Amino acid sequence: LNFSEQHRKRIHEKIHSQDEREEDILLAIMQLLVQEKTGYELLSLLRGRGIQTFARNEGFLYTILHRLERSGWLQSSWDTAEVKYYRMTDRGRKILYKAEKSKSRRKFVLKGALEG
């Protein structure tokens, strides 16, 4: 059985994407948004951390950001060049602190964000 390079790459990506749990992705997003960033900057930094979940569906990141914003964990603003910036709110910082403090409660703490 022979696999093409492209097939091997897809298998490799699939294996890595299965290892990326939702709470780990949320935690990474929140850690990165301690300082204000654009969605594009955030996407690049997540890739730098090895998170490939958004590689083929970048729009999913914006869906998560919108849910975090609706939950009051993030806020956004537009600059004069119509670039949207995201940053964590005080409420988001408290949630991040709780999630980082207790790994066993992390899933419970972060669960509410994606359920909206």
PDB file of N, CA and C in Angstrom:
ATOM      1  N   LEU A   1       0.846  -1.175   0.000  1.00  0.00           N
ATOM      2  CA  LEU A   1       0.000   0.000   0.000  1.00  0.00           C
ATOM      3  C   LEU A   1       0.892   1.239   0.000  1.00  0.00           C
ATOM      4  N   ASN A   2       0.718   2.083  -1.000  1.00  0.00           N
ATOM      5  CA  ASN A   2       1.517   3.301  -1.118  1.00  0.00           C
ATOM      6  C   ASN A   2       0.634   4.526  -0.936  1.00  0.00           C
ATOM      7  N   PHE A   3       1.164   5.502  -0.226  1.00  0.00           N
ATOM      8  CA  PHE A   3       0.458   6.751  -0.007  1.00  0.00           C
ATOM      9  C   PHE A   3       1.194   7.869  -0.735  1.00  0.00           C
ATOM     10  N   SER A   4       0.423   8.730  -1.375  1.00  0.00           N
ATOM     11  CA  SER A   4       1.032   9.902  -1.991  1.00  0.00           C
ATOM     12  C   SER A   4       1.437  10.879  -0.887  1.00  0.00           C
ATOM     13  N   GLU A   5       2.292  11.811  -1.222  1.00  0.00           N
ATOM     14  CA  GLU A   5       2.728  12.814  -0.249  1.00  0.00           C
ATOM     15  C   GLU A   5       1.540  13.621   0.258  1.00  0.00           C
ATOM     16  N   GLN A   6       0.627  13.943  -0.652  1.00  0.00           N
ATOM     17  CA  GLN A   6      -0.568  14.694  -0.266  1.00  0.00           C
ATOM     18  C   GLN A   6      -1.428  13.885   0.702  1.00  0.00           C
ATOM     19  N   HIS A   7      -1.573  12.610   0.450  1.00  0.00           N
ATOM     20  CA  HIS A   7      -2.361  11.748   1.327  1.00  0.00           C
ATOM     21  C   HIS A   7      -1.715  11.662   2.715  1.00  0.00           C
ATOM     22  N   ARG A   8      -0.402  11.526   2.752  1.00  0.00           N
ATOM     23  CA  ARG A   8       0.310  11.497   4.033  1.00  0.00           C
ATOM     24  C   ARG A   8       0.116  12.794   4.806  1.00  0.00           C
ATOM     25  N   LYS A   9       0.151  13.898   4.067  1.00  0.00           N
ATOM     26  CA  LYS A   9      -0.031  15.198   4.712  1.00  0.00           C
ATOM     27  C   LYS A   9      -1.424  15.306   5.329  1.00  0.00           C
ATOM     28  N   ARG A  10      -2.447  14.872   4.595  1.00  0.00           N
ATOM     29  CA  ARG A  10      -3.812  14.918   5.126  1.00  0.00           C
ATOM     30  C   ARG A  10      -3.962  14.048   6.367  1.00  0.00           C
ATOM     31  N   ILE A  11      -3.362  12.868   6.334  1.00  0.00           N
ATOM     32  CA  ILE A  11      -3.425  11.985   7.501  1.00  0.00           C
ATOM     33  C   ILE A  11      -2.739  12.640   8.691  1.00  0.00           C
ATOM     34  N   HIS A  12      -1.575  13.219   8.452  1.00  0.00           N
ATOM     35  CA  HIS A  12      -0.830  13.908   9.509  1.00  0.00           C
ATOM     36  C   HIS A  12      -1.664  15.050  10.101  1.00  0.00           C
ATOM     37  N   GLU A  13      -2.283  15.846   9.246  1.00  0.00           N
ATOM     38  CA  GLU A  13      -3.122  16.959   9.714  1.00  0.00           C
ATOM     39  C   GLU A  13      -4.312  16.442  10.510  1.00  0.00           C
ATOM     40  N   LYS A  14      -4.911  15.371  10.055  1.00  0.00           N
ATOM     41  CA  LYS A  14      -6.072  14.808  10.739  1.00  0.00           C
ATOM     42  C   LYS A  14      -5.693  14.328  12.133  1.00  0.00           C
ATOM     43  N   ILE A  15      -4.560  13.669  12.237  1.00  0.00           N
ATOM     44  CA  ILE A  15      -4.093  13.193  13.540  1.00  0.00           C
ATOM     45  C   ILE A  15      -3.871  14.367  14.478  1.00  0.00           C
ATOM     46  N   HIS A  16      -3.210  15.418  13.977  1.00  0.00           N
ATOM     47  CA  HIS A  16      -2.949  16.583  14.822  1.00  0.00           C
ATOM     48  C   HIS A  16      -4.225  17.325  15.167  1.00  0.00           C
ATOM     49  N   SER A  17      -5.166  17.404  14.265  1.00  0.00           N
ATOM     50  CA  SER A  17      -6.404  18.124  14.564  1.00  0.00           C
ATOM     51  C   SER A  17      -7.227  17.382  15.602  1.00  0.00           C
ATOM     52  N   GLN A  18      -7.113  16.064  15.657  1.00  0.00           N
ATOM     53  CA  GLN A  18      -7.832  15.298  16.661  1.00  0.00           C
ATOM     54  C   GLN A  18      -7.250  15.526  18.041  1.00  0.00           C
ATOM     55  N   ASP A  19      -5.971  15.852  18.098  1.00  0.00           N
ATOM     56  CA  ASP A  19      -5.325  16.112  19.377  1.00  0.00           C
ATOM     57  C   ASP A  19      -5.688  17.479  19.945  1.00  0.00           C
ATOM     58  N   GLU A  20      -6.230  18.348  19.132  1.00  0.00           N
ATOM     59  CA  GLU A  20      -6.550  19.700  19.557  1.00  0.00           C
ATOM     60  C   GLU A  20      -7.948  19.725  20.182  1.00  0.00           C
ATOM     61  N   ARG A  21      -7.977  19.755  21.478  1.00  0.00           N
ATOM     62  CA  ARG A  21      -9.263  19.789  22.180  1.00  0.00           C
ATOM     63  C   ARG A  21      -9.788  21.217  22.189  1.00  0.00           C
ATOM     64  N   GLU A  22     -11.099  21.334  22.211  1.00  0.00           N
ATOM     65  CA  GLU A  22     -11.736  22.653  22.182  1.00  0.00           C
ATOM     66  C   GLU A  22     -11.235  23.554  23.290  1.00  0.00           C
ATOM     67  N   GLU A  23     -11.107  22.993  24.497  1.00  0.00           N
ATOM     68  CA  GLU A  23     -10.686  23.855  25.606  1.00  0.00           C
ATOM     69  C   GLU A  23      -9.254  24.331  25.432  1.00  0.00           C
ATOM     70  N   ASP A  24      -8.408  23.531  24.805  1.00  0.00           N
ATOM     71  CA  ASP A  24      -7.030  23.966  24.551  1.00  0.00           C
ATOM     72  C   ASP A  24      -6.990  25.079  23.503  1.00  0.00           C
ATOM     73  N   ILE A  25      -7.846  24.957  22.507  1.00  0.00           N
ATOM     74  CA  ILE A  25      -7.930  25.991  21.467  1.00  0.00           C
ATOM     75  C   ILE A  25      -8.445  27.288  22.062  1.00  0.00           C
ATOM     76  N   LEU A  26      -9.504  27.201  22.868  1.00  0.00           N
ATOM     77  CA  LEU A  26     -10.051  28.400  23.521  1.00  0.00           C
ATOM     78  C   LEU A  26      -9.015  29.044  24.434  1.00  0.00           C
ATOM     79  N   LEU A  27      -8.317  28.212  25.185  1.00  0.00           N
ATOM     80  CA  LEU A  27      -7.299  28.731  26.092  1.00  0.00           C
ATOM     81  C   LEU A  27      -6.220  29.475  25.310  1.00  0.00           C
ATOM     82  N   ALA A  28      -5.771  28.901  24.202  1.00  0.00           N
ATOM     83  CA  ALA A  28      -4.748  29.552  23.377  1.00  0.00           C
ATOM     84  C   ALA A  28      -5.262  30.879  22.830  1.00  0.00           C
ATOM     85  N   ILE A  29      -6.501  30.904  22.354  1.00  0.00           N
ATOM     86  CA  ILE A  29      -7.082  32.141  21.827  1.00  0.00           C
ATOM     87  C   ILE A  29      -7.097  33.217  22.901  1.00  0.00           C
ATOM     88  N   MET A  30      -7.563  32.842  24.085  1.00  0.00           N
ATOM     89  CA  MET A  30      -7.665  33.822  25.163  1.00  0.00           C
ATOM     90  C   MET A  30      -6.294  34.298  25.627  1.00  0.00           C
ATOM     91  N   GLN A  31      -5.337  33.379  25.702  1.00  0.00           N
ATOM     92  CA  GLN A  31      -3.981  33.781  26.102  1.00  0.00           C
ATOM     93  C   GLN A  31      -3.392  34.773  25.104  1.00  0.00           C
ATOM     94  N   LEU A  32      -3.642  34.538  23.835  1.00  0.00           N
ATOM     95  CA  LEU A  32      -3.098  35.422  22.809  1.00  0.00           C
ATOM     96  C   LEU A  32      -3.798  36.777  22.787  1.00  0.00           C
ATOM     97  N   LEU A  33      -5.048  36.817  23.236  1.00  0.00           N
ATOM     98  CA  LEU A  33      -5.794  38.079  23.198  1.00  0.00           C
ATOM     99  C   LEU A  33      -5.686  38.886  24.478  1.00  0.00           C
ATOM    100  N   VAL A  34      -4.704  38.561  25.308  1.00  0.00           N
ATOM    101  CA  VAL A  34      -4.413  39.421  26.454  1.00  0.00           C
ATOM    102  C   VAL A  34      -4.020  40.796  25.922  1.00  0.00           C
ATOM    103  N   GLN A  35      -3.352  40.781  24.765  1.00  0.00           N
ATOM    104  CA  GLN A  35      -3.056  42.021  24.052  1.00  0.00           C
ATOM    105  C   GLN A  35      -3.885  42.048  22.771  1.00  0.00           C
ATOM    106  N   GLU A  36      -4.317  43.220  22.393  1.00  0.00           N
ATOM    107  CA  GLU A  36      -5.174  43.409  21.216  1.00  0.00           C
ATOM    108  C   GLU A  36      -4.525  42.871  19.938  1.00  0.00           C
ATOM    109  N   LYS A  37      -5.346  42.147  19.147  1.00  0.00           N
ATOM    110  CA  LYS A  37      -4.866  41.593  17.882  1.00  0.00           C
ATOM    111  C   LYS A  37      -5.987  41.551  16.859  1.00  0.00           C
ATOM    112  N   THR A  38      -5.595  41.516  15.590  1.00  0.00           N
ATOM    113  CA  THR A  38      -6.572  41.299  14.529  1.00  0.00           C
ATOM    114  C   THR A  38      -6.810  39.794  14.406  1.00  0.00           C
ATOM    115  N   GLY A  39      -7.869  39.423  13.724  1.00  0.00           N
ATOM    116  CA  GLY A  39      -8.137  38.011  13.481  1.00  0.00           C
ATOM    117  C   GLY A  39      -7.007  37.358  12.711  1.00  0.00           C
ATOM    118  N   TYR A  40      -6.454  38.084  11.749  1.00  0.00           N
ATOM    119  CA  TYR A  40      -5.352  37.557  10.943  1.00  0.00           C
ATOM    120  C   TYR A  40      -4.113  37.303  11.805  1.00  0.00           C
ATOM    121  N   GLU A  41      -3.793  38.258  12.683  1.00  0.00           N
ATOM    122  CA  GLU A  41      -2.645  38.086  13.583  1.00  0.00           C
ATOM    123  C   GLU A  41      -2.864  36.876  14.485  1.00  0.00           C
ATOM    124  N   LEU A  42      -4.077  36.766  15.004  1.00  0.00           N
ATOM    125  CA  LEU A  42      -4.413  35.663  15.886  1.00  0.00           C
ATOM    126  C   LEU A  42      -4.267  34.321  15.164  1.00  0.00           C
ATOM    127  N   LEU A  43      -4.776  34.264  13.955  1.00  0.00           N
ATOM    128  CA  LEU A  43      -4.676  33.045  13.154  1.00  0.00           C
ATOM    129  C   LEU A  43      -3.217  32.644  12.944  1.00  0.00           C
ATOM    130  N   SER A  44      -2.375  33.597  12.624  1.00  0.00           N
ATOM    131  CA  SER A  44      -0.946  33.325  12.427  1.00  0.00           C
ATOM    132  C   SER A  44      -0.293  32.822  13.709  1.00  0.00           C
ATOM    133  N   LEU A  45      -0.631  33.433  14.827  1.00  0.00           N
ATOM    134  CA  LEU A  45      -0.047  33.024  16.105  1.00  0.00           C
ATOM    135  C   LEU A  45      -0.531  31.635  16.531  1.00  0.00           C
ATOM    136  N   LEU A  46      -1.792  31.321  16.246  1.00  0.00           N
ATOM    137  CA  LEU A  46      -2.311  29.987  16.556  1.00  0.00           C
ATOM    138  C   LEU A  46      -1.587  28.930  15.725  1.00  0.00           C
ATOM    139  N   ARG A  47      -1.367  29.238  14.471  1.00  0.00           N
ATOM    140  CA  ARG A  47      -0.602  28.310  13.612  1.00  0.00           C
ATOM    141  C   ARG A  47       0.804  28.136  14.154  1.00  0.00           C
ATOM    142  N   GLY A  48       1.380  29.221  14.653  1.00  0.00           N
ATOM    143  CA  GLY A  48       2.709  29.159  15.247  1.00  0.00           C
ATOM    144  C   GLY A  48       2.765  28.264  16.473  1.00  0.00           C
ATOM    145  N   ARG A  49       1.645  28.126  17.146  1.00  0.00           N
ATOM    146  CA  ARG A  49       1.553  27.233  18.304  1.00  0.00           C
ATOM    147  C   ARG A  49       1.223  25.796  17.877  1.00  0.00           C
ATOM    148  N   GLY A  50       1.103  25.590  16.587  1.00  0.00           N
ATOM    149  CA  GLY A  50       0.829  24.249  16.086  1.00  0.00           C
ATOM    150  C   GLY A  50      -0.644  23.898  15.995  1.00  0.00           C
ATOM    151  N   ILE A  51      -1.507  24.875  16.206  1.00  0.00           N
ATOM    152  CA  ILE A  51      -2.946  24.626  16.124  1.00  0.00           C
ATOM    153  C   ILE A  51      -3.368  24.751  14.668  1.00  0.00           C
ATOM    154  N   GLN A  52      -3.764  23.635  14.089  1.00  0.00           N
ATOM    155  CA  GLN A  52      -4.099  23.582  12.664  1.00  0.00           C
ATOM    156  C   GLN A  52      -5.604  23.519  12.411  1.00  0.00           C
ATOM    157  N   THR A  53      -6.406  23.622  13.445  1.00  0.00           N
ATOM    158  CA  THR A  53      -7.857  23.510  13.316  1.00  0.00           C
ATOM    159  C   THR A  53      -8.431  24.442  12.258  1.00  0.00           C
ATOM    160  N   PHE A  54      -7.858  25.606  12.110  1.00  0.00           N
ATOM    161  CA  PHE A  54      -8.406  26.618  11.218  1.00  0.00           C
ATOM    162  C   PHE A  54      -7.723  26.647   9.848  1.00  0.00           C
ATOM    163  N   ALA A  55      -6.837  25.704   9.586  1.00  0.00           N
ATOM    164  CA  ALA A  55      -6.062  25.713   8.346  1.00  0.00           C
ATOM    165  C   ALA A  55      -6.945  25.684   7.107  1.00  0.00           C
ATOM    166  N   ARG A  56      -8.003  24.926   7.142  1.00  0.00           N
ATOM    167  CA  ARG A  56      -8.867  24.810   5.962  1.00  0.00           C
ATOM    168  C   ARG A  56     -10.198  25.540   6.128  1.00  0.00           C
ATOM    169  N   ASN A  57     -10.416  26.071   7.318  1.00  0.00           N
ATOM    170  CA  ASN A  57     -11.674  26.766   7.569  1.00  0.00           C
ATOM    171  C   ASN A  57     -11.417  27.938   8.512  1.00  0.00           C
ATOM    172  N   GLU A  58     -10.834  28.991   7.970  1.00  0.00           N
ATOM    173  CA  GLU A  58     -10.490  30.162   8.781  1.00  0.00           C
ATOM    174  C   GLU A  58     -11.733  30.828   9.359  1.00  0.00           C
ATOM    175  N   GLY A  59     -12.852  30.685   8.687  1.00  0.00           N
ATOM    176  CA  GLY A  59     -14.089  31.291   9.168  1.00  0.00           C
ATOM    177  C   GLY A  59     -14.512  30.764  10.519  1.00  0.00           C
ATOM    178  N   PHE A  60     -14.115  29.547  10.842  1.00  0.00           N
ATOM    179  CA  PHE A  60     -14.470  28.966  12.137  1.00  0.00           C
ATOM    180  C   PHE A  60     -13.863  29.783  13.280  1.00  0.00           C
ATOM    181  N   LEU A  61     -12.665  30.326  13.080  1.00  0.00           N
ATOM    182  CA  LEU A  61     -12.050  31.170  14.100  1.00  0.00           C
ATOM    183  C   LEU A  61     -12.935  32.375  14.383  1.00  0.00           C
ATOM    184  N   TYR A  62     -13.465  32.988  13.336  1.00  0.00           N
ATOM    185  CA  TYR A  62     -14.303  34.180  13.520  1.00  0.00           C
ATOM    186  C   TYR A  62     -15.626  33.830  14.202  1.00  0.00           C
ATOM    187  N   THR A  63     -16.103  32.627  13.982  1.00  0.00           N
ATOM    188  CA  THR A  63     -17.306  32.161  14.683  1.00  0.00           C
ATOM    189  C   THR A  63     -17.019  32.059  16.178  1.00  0.00           C
ATOM    190  N   ILE A  64     -15.872  31.500  16.526  1.00  0.00           N
ATOM    191  CA  ILE A  64     -15.482  31.392  17.937  1.00  0.00           C
ATOM    192  C   ILE A  64     -15.304  32.781  18.546  1.00  0.00           C
ATOM    193  N   LEU A  65     -14.628  33.672  17.832  1.00  0.00           N
ATOM    194  CA  LEU A  65     -14.429  35.035  18.338  1.00  0.00           C
ATOM    195  C   LEU A  65     -15.762  35.728  18.581  1.00  0.00           C
ATOM    196  N   HIS A  66     -16.704  35.539  17.675  1.00  0.00           N
ATOM    197  CA  HIS A  66     -18.028  36.146  17.831  1.00  0.00           C
ATOM    198  C   HIS A  66     -18.727  35.593  19.070  1.00  0.00           C
ATOM    199  N   ARG A  67     -18.635  34.304  19.282  1.00  0.00           N
ATOM    200  CA  ARG A  67     -19.264  33.702  20.475  1.00  0.00           C
ATOM    201  C   ARG A  67     -18.613  34.208  21.761  1.00  0.00           C
ATOM    202  N   LEU A  68     -17.300  34.326  21.750  1.00  0.00           N
ATOM    203  CA  LEU A  68     -16.608  34.857  22.927  1.00  0.00           C
ATOM    204  C   LEU A  68     -17.004  36.307  23.184  1.00  0.00           C
ATOM    205  N   GLU A  69     -17.214  37.031  22.113  1.00  0.00           N
ATOM    206  CA  GLU A  69     -17.643  38.424  22.232  1.00  0.00           C
ATOM    207  C   GLU A  69     -19.063  38.501  22.802  1.00  0.00           C
ATOM    208  N   ARG A  70     -19.940  37.668  22.295  1.00  0.00           N
ATOM    209  CA  ARG A  70     -21.327  37.638  22.806  1.00  0.00           C
ATOM    210  C   ARG A  70     -21.372  37.236  24.267  1.00  0.00           C
ATOM    211  N   SER A  71     -20.437  36.385  24.681  1.00  0.00           N
ATOM    212  CA  SER A  71     -20.376  35.939  26.075  1.00  0.00           C
ATOM    213  C   SER A  71     -19.791  37.001  26.996  1.00  0.00           C
ATOM    214  N   GLY A  72     -19.250  38.074  26.397  1.00  0.00           N
ATOM    215  CA  GLY A  72     -18.670  39.147  27.199  1.00  0.00           C
ATOM    216  C   GLY A  72     -17.223  38.893  27.581  1.00  0.00           C
ATOM    217  N   TRP A  73     -16.597  37.897  26.974  1.00  0.00           N
ATOM    218  CA  TRP A  73     -15.215  37.571  27.292  1.00  0.00           C
ATOM    219  C   TRP A  73     -14.246  38.382  26.452  1.00  0.00           C
ATOM    220  N   LEU A  74     -14.696  38.806  25.270  1.00  0.00           N
ATOM    221  CA  LEU A  74     -13.893  39.625  24.365  1.00  0.00           C
ATOM    222  C   LEU A  74     -14.687  40.849  23.964  1.00  0.00           C
ATOM    223  N   GLN A  75     -13.983  41.848  23.484  1.00  0.00           N
ATOM    224  CA  GLN A  75     -14.636  42.976  22.831  1.00  0.00           C
ATOM    225  C   GLN A  75     -13.828  43.301  21.589  1.00  0.00           C
ATOM    226  N   SER A  76     -14.483  43.939  20.656  1.00  0.00           N
ATOM    227  CA  SER A  76     -13.798  44.259  19.405  1.00  0.00           C
ATOM    228  C   SER A  76     -14.028  45.716  19.058  1.00  0.00           C
ATOM    229  N   SER A  77     -13.163  46.205  18.189  1.00  0.00           N
ATOM    230  CA  SER A  77     -13.312  47.566  17.691  1.00  0.00           C
ATOM    231  C   SER A  77     -12.707  47.616  16.289  1.00  0.00           C
ATOM    232  N   TRP A  78     -13.159  48.609  15.532  1.00  0.00           N
ATOM    233  CA  TRP A  78     -12.670  48.801  14.167  1.00  0.00           C
ATOM    234  C   TRP A  78     -11.773  50.017  14.146  1.00  0.00           C
ATOM    235  N   ASP A  79     -10.686  49.944  13.394  1.00  0.00           N
ATOM    236  CA  ASP A  79      -9.851  51.131  13.243  1.00  0.00           C
ATOM    237  C   ASP A  79     -10.274  51.877  11.979  1.00  0.00           C
ATOM    238  N   THR A  80      -9.597  52.957  11.676  1.00  0.00           N
ATOM    239  CA  THR A  80      -9.975  53.797  10.535  1.00  0.00           C
ATOM    240  C   THR A  80      -9.780  53.096   9.201  1.00  0.00           C
ATOM    241  N   ALA A  81      -8.924  52.077   9.155  1.00  0.00           N
ATOM    242  CA  ALA A  81      -8.702  51.314   7.916  1.00  0.00           C
ATOM    243  C   ALA A  81      -9.673  50.138   7.822  1.00  0.00           C
ATOM    244  N   GLU A  82     -10.680  50.134   8.700  1.00  0.00           N
ATOM    245  CA  GLU A  82     -11.699  49.087   8.752  1.00  0.00           C
ATOM    246  C   GLU A  82     -11.113  47.708   9.030  1.00  0.00           C
ATOM    247  N   VAL A  83     -10.135  47.680   9.938  1.00  0.00           N
ATOM    248  CA  VAL A  83      -9.562  46.438  10.429  1.00  0.00           C
ATOM    249  C   VAL A  83     -10.138  46.210  11.817  1.00  0.00           C
ATOM    250  N   LYS A  84     -10.629  45.005  12.063  1.00  0.00           N
ATOM    251  CA  LYS A  84     -11.250  44.694  13.348  1.00  0.00           C
ATOM    252  C   LYS A  84     -10.197  44.134  14.304  1.00  0.00           C
ATOM    253  N   TYR A  85     -10.173  44.681  15.513  1.00  0.00           N
ATOM    254  CA  TYR A  85      -9.259  44.251  16.566  1.00  0.00           C
ATOM    255  C   TYR A  85     -10.046  43.603  17.690  1.00  0.00           C
ATOM    256  N   TYR A  86      -9.478  42.567  18.264  1.00  0.00           N
ATOM    257  CA  TYR A  86     -10.100  41.851  19.378  1.00  0.00           C
ATOM    258  C   TYR A  86      -9.212  41.967  20.600  1.00  0.00           C
ATOM    259  N   ARG A  87      -9.837  42.069  21.759  1.00  0.00           N
ATOM    260  CA  ARG A  87      -9.104  42.096  23.019  1.00  0.00           C
ATOM    261  C   ARG A  87      -9.992  41.513  24.116  1.00  0.00           C
ATOM    262  N   MET A  88      -9.347  41.007  25.139  1.00  0.00           N
ATOM    263  CA  MET A  88     -10.062  40.393  26.234  1.00  0.00           C
ATOM    264  C   MET A  88     -10.648  41.446  27.174  1.00  0.00           C
ATOM    265  N   THR A  89     -11.822  41.157  27.699  1.00  0.00           N
ATOM    266  CA  THR A  89     -12.446  42.029  28.690  1.00  0.00           C
ATOM    267  C   THR A  89     -11.977  41.610  30.085  1.00  0.00           C
ATOM    268  N   ASP A  90     -12.348  42.382  31.095  1.00  0.00           N
ATOM    269  CA  ASP A  90     -12.017  42.005  32.472  1.00  0.00           C
ATOM    270  C   ASP A  90     -12.649  40.657  32.811  1.00  0.00           C
ATOM    271  N   ARG A  91     -13.859  40.446  32.338  1.00  0.00           N
ATOM    272  CA  ARG A  91     -14.541  39.167  32.574  1.00  0.00           C
ATOM    273  C   ARG A  91     -13.753  38.023  31.926  1.00  0.00           C
ATOM    274  N   GLY A  92     -13.272  38.243  30.718  1.00  0.00           N
ATOM    275  CA  GLY A  92     -12.462  37.242  30.036  1.00  0.00           C
ATOM    276  C   GLY A  92     -11.171  36.948  30.771  1.00  0.00           C
ATOM    277  N   ARG A  93     -10.553  37.980  31.337  1.00  0.00           N
ATOM    278  CA  ARG A  93      -9.312  37.790  32.100  1.00  0.00           C
ATOM    279  C   ARG A  93      -9.560  36.924  33.334  1.00  0.00           C
ATOM    280  N   LYS A  94     -10.697  37.134  33.989  1.00  0.00           N
ATOM    281  CA  LYS A  94     -11.045  36.312  35.159  1.00  0.00           C
ATOM    282  C   LYS A  94     -11.240  34.856  34.757  1.00  0.00           C
ATOM    283  N   ILE A  95     -11.923  34.631  33.643  1.00  0.00           N
ATOM    284  CA  ILE A  95     -12.144  33.274  33.148  1.00  0.00           C
ATOM    285  C   ILE A  95     -10.801  32.631  32.789  1.00  0.00           C
ATOM    286  N   LEU A  96      -9.943  33.382  32.117  1.00  0.00           N
ATOM    287  CA  LEU A  96      -8.625  32.872  31.744  1.00  0.00           C
ATOM    288  C   LEU A  96      -7.831  32.488  32.991  1.00  0.00           C
ATOM    289  N   TYR A  97      -7.868  33.325  33.984  1.00  0.00           N
ATOM    290  CA  TYR A  97      -7.149  33.043  35.232  1.00  0.00           C
ATOM    291  C   TYR A  97      -7.652  31.734  35.845  1.00  0.00           C
ATOM    292  N   LYS A  98      -8.966  31.567  35.904  1.00  0.00           N
ATOM    293  CA  LYS A  98      -9.542  30.338  36.464  1.00  0.00           C
ATOM    294  C   LYS A  98      -9.152  29.120  35.640  1.00  0.00           C
ATOM    295  N   ALA A  99      -9.179  29.249  34.337  1.00  0.00           N
ATOM    296  CA  ALA A  99      -8.847  28.128  33.449  1.00  0.00           C
ATOM    297  C   ALA A  99      -7.376  27.742  33.561  1.00  0.00           C
ATOM    298  N   GLU A 100      -6.504  28.727  33.694  1.00  0.00           N
ATOM    299  CA  GLU A 100      -5.073  28.438  33.813  1.00  0.00           C
ATOM    300  C   GLU A 100      -4.731  27.874  35.191  1.00  0.00           C
ATOM    301  N   LYS A 101      -5.499  28.283  36.184  1.00  0.00           N
ATOM    302  CA  LYS A 101      -5.232  27.881  37.558  1.00  0.00           C
ATOM    303  C   LYS A 101      -5.568  26.405  37.795  1.00  0.00           C
ATOM    304  N   SER A 102      -6.642  25.927  37.181  1.00  0.00           N
ATOM    305  CA  SER A 102      -7.096  24.572  37.457  1.00  0.00           C
ATOM    306  C   SER A 102      -7.320  23.795  36.162  1.00  0.00           C
ATOM    307  N   LYS A 103      -6.353  22.965  35.823  1.00  0.00           N
ATOM    308  CA  LYS A 103      -6.458  22.178  34.586  1.00  0.00           C
ATOM    309  C   LYS A 103      -7.651  21.227  34.633  1.00  0.00           C
ATOM    310  N   SER A 104      -7.950  20.701  35.810  1.00  0.00           N
ATOM    311  CA  SER A 104      -9.062  19.753  35.929  1.00  0.00           C
ATOM    312  C   SER A 104     -10.417  20.439  35.705  1.00  0.00           C
ATOM    313  N   ARG A 105     -10.513  21.724  35.993  1.00  0.00           N
ATOM    314  CA  ARG A 105     -11.775  22.452  35.795  1.00  0.00           C
ATOM    315  C   ARG A 105     -11.803  23.228  34.484  1.00  0.00           C
ATOM    316  N   ARG A 106     -10.710  23.180  33.726  1.00  0.00           N
ATOM    317  CA  ARG A 106     -10.582  23.976  32.513  1.00  0.00           C
ATOM    318  C   ARG A 106     -11.749  23.758  31.552  1.00  0.00           C
ATOM    319  N   LYS A 107     -12.087  22.505  31.302  1.00  0.00           N
ATOM    320  CA  LYS A 107     -13.162  22.207  30.358  1.00  0.00           C
ATOM    321  C   LYS A 107     -14.477  22.821  30.831  1.00  0.00           C
ATOM    322  N   PHE A 108     -14.765  22.694  32.116  1.00  0.00           N
ATOM    323  CA  PHE A 108     -15.988  23.250  32.674  1.00  0.00           C
ATOM    324  C   PHE A 108     -15.999  24.776  32.587  1.00  0.00           C
ATOM    325  N   VAL A 109     -14.875  25.383  32.910  1.00  0.00           N
ATOM    326  CA  VAL A 109     -14.763  26.841  32.903  1.00  0.00           C
ATOM    327  C   VAL A 109     -14.957  27.400  31.497  1.00  0.00           C
ATOM    328  N   LEU A 110     -14.345  26.751  30.505  1.00  0.00           N
ATOM    329  CA  LEU A 110     -14.380  27.257  29.137  1.00  0.00           C
ATOM    330  C   LEU A 110     -15.602  26.786  28.346  1.00  0.00           C
ATOM    331  N   LYS A 111     -16.292  25.781  28.850  1.00  0.00           N
ATOM    332  CA  LYS A 111     -17.408  25.176  28.119  1.00  0.00           C
ATOM    333  C   LYS A 111     -18.498  26.179  27.748  1.00  0.00           C
ATOM    334  N   GLY A 112     -18.806  27.078  28.641  1.00  0.00           N
ATOM    335  CA  GLY A 112     -19.880  28.033  28.409  1.00  0.00           C
ATOM    336  C   GLY A 112     -19.682  28.949  27.214  1.00  0.00           C
ATOM    337  N   ALA A 113     -18.465  29.212  26.846  1.00  0.00           N
ATOM    338  CA  ALA A 113     -18.194  30.150  25.756  1.00  0.00           C
ATOM    339  C   ALA A 113     -18.711  29.645  24.422  1.00  0.00           C
ATOM    340  N   LEU A 114     -18.486  28.408  24.122  1.00  0.00           N
ATOM    341  CA  LEU A 114     -18.903  27.885  22.828  1.00  0.00           C
ATOM    342  C   LEU A 114     -20.367  27.490  22.812  1.00  0.00           C
ATOM    343  N   GLU A 115     -20.952  27.330  23.978  1.00  0.00           N
ATOM    344  CA  GLU A 115     -22.373  26.999  24.020  1.00  0.00           C
ATOM    345  C   GLU A 115     -23.227  28.247  23.941  1.00  0.00           C
ATOM    346  N   GLY A 116     -22.595  29.390  24.188  1.00  0.00           N
ATOM    347  CA  GLY A 116     -23.240  30.684  24.046  1.00  0.00           C
ATOM    348  C   GLY A 116     -24.453  30.807  24.869  1.00  0.00           C
TER     349      GLY A 116
END
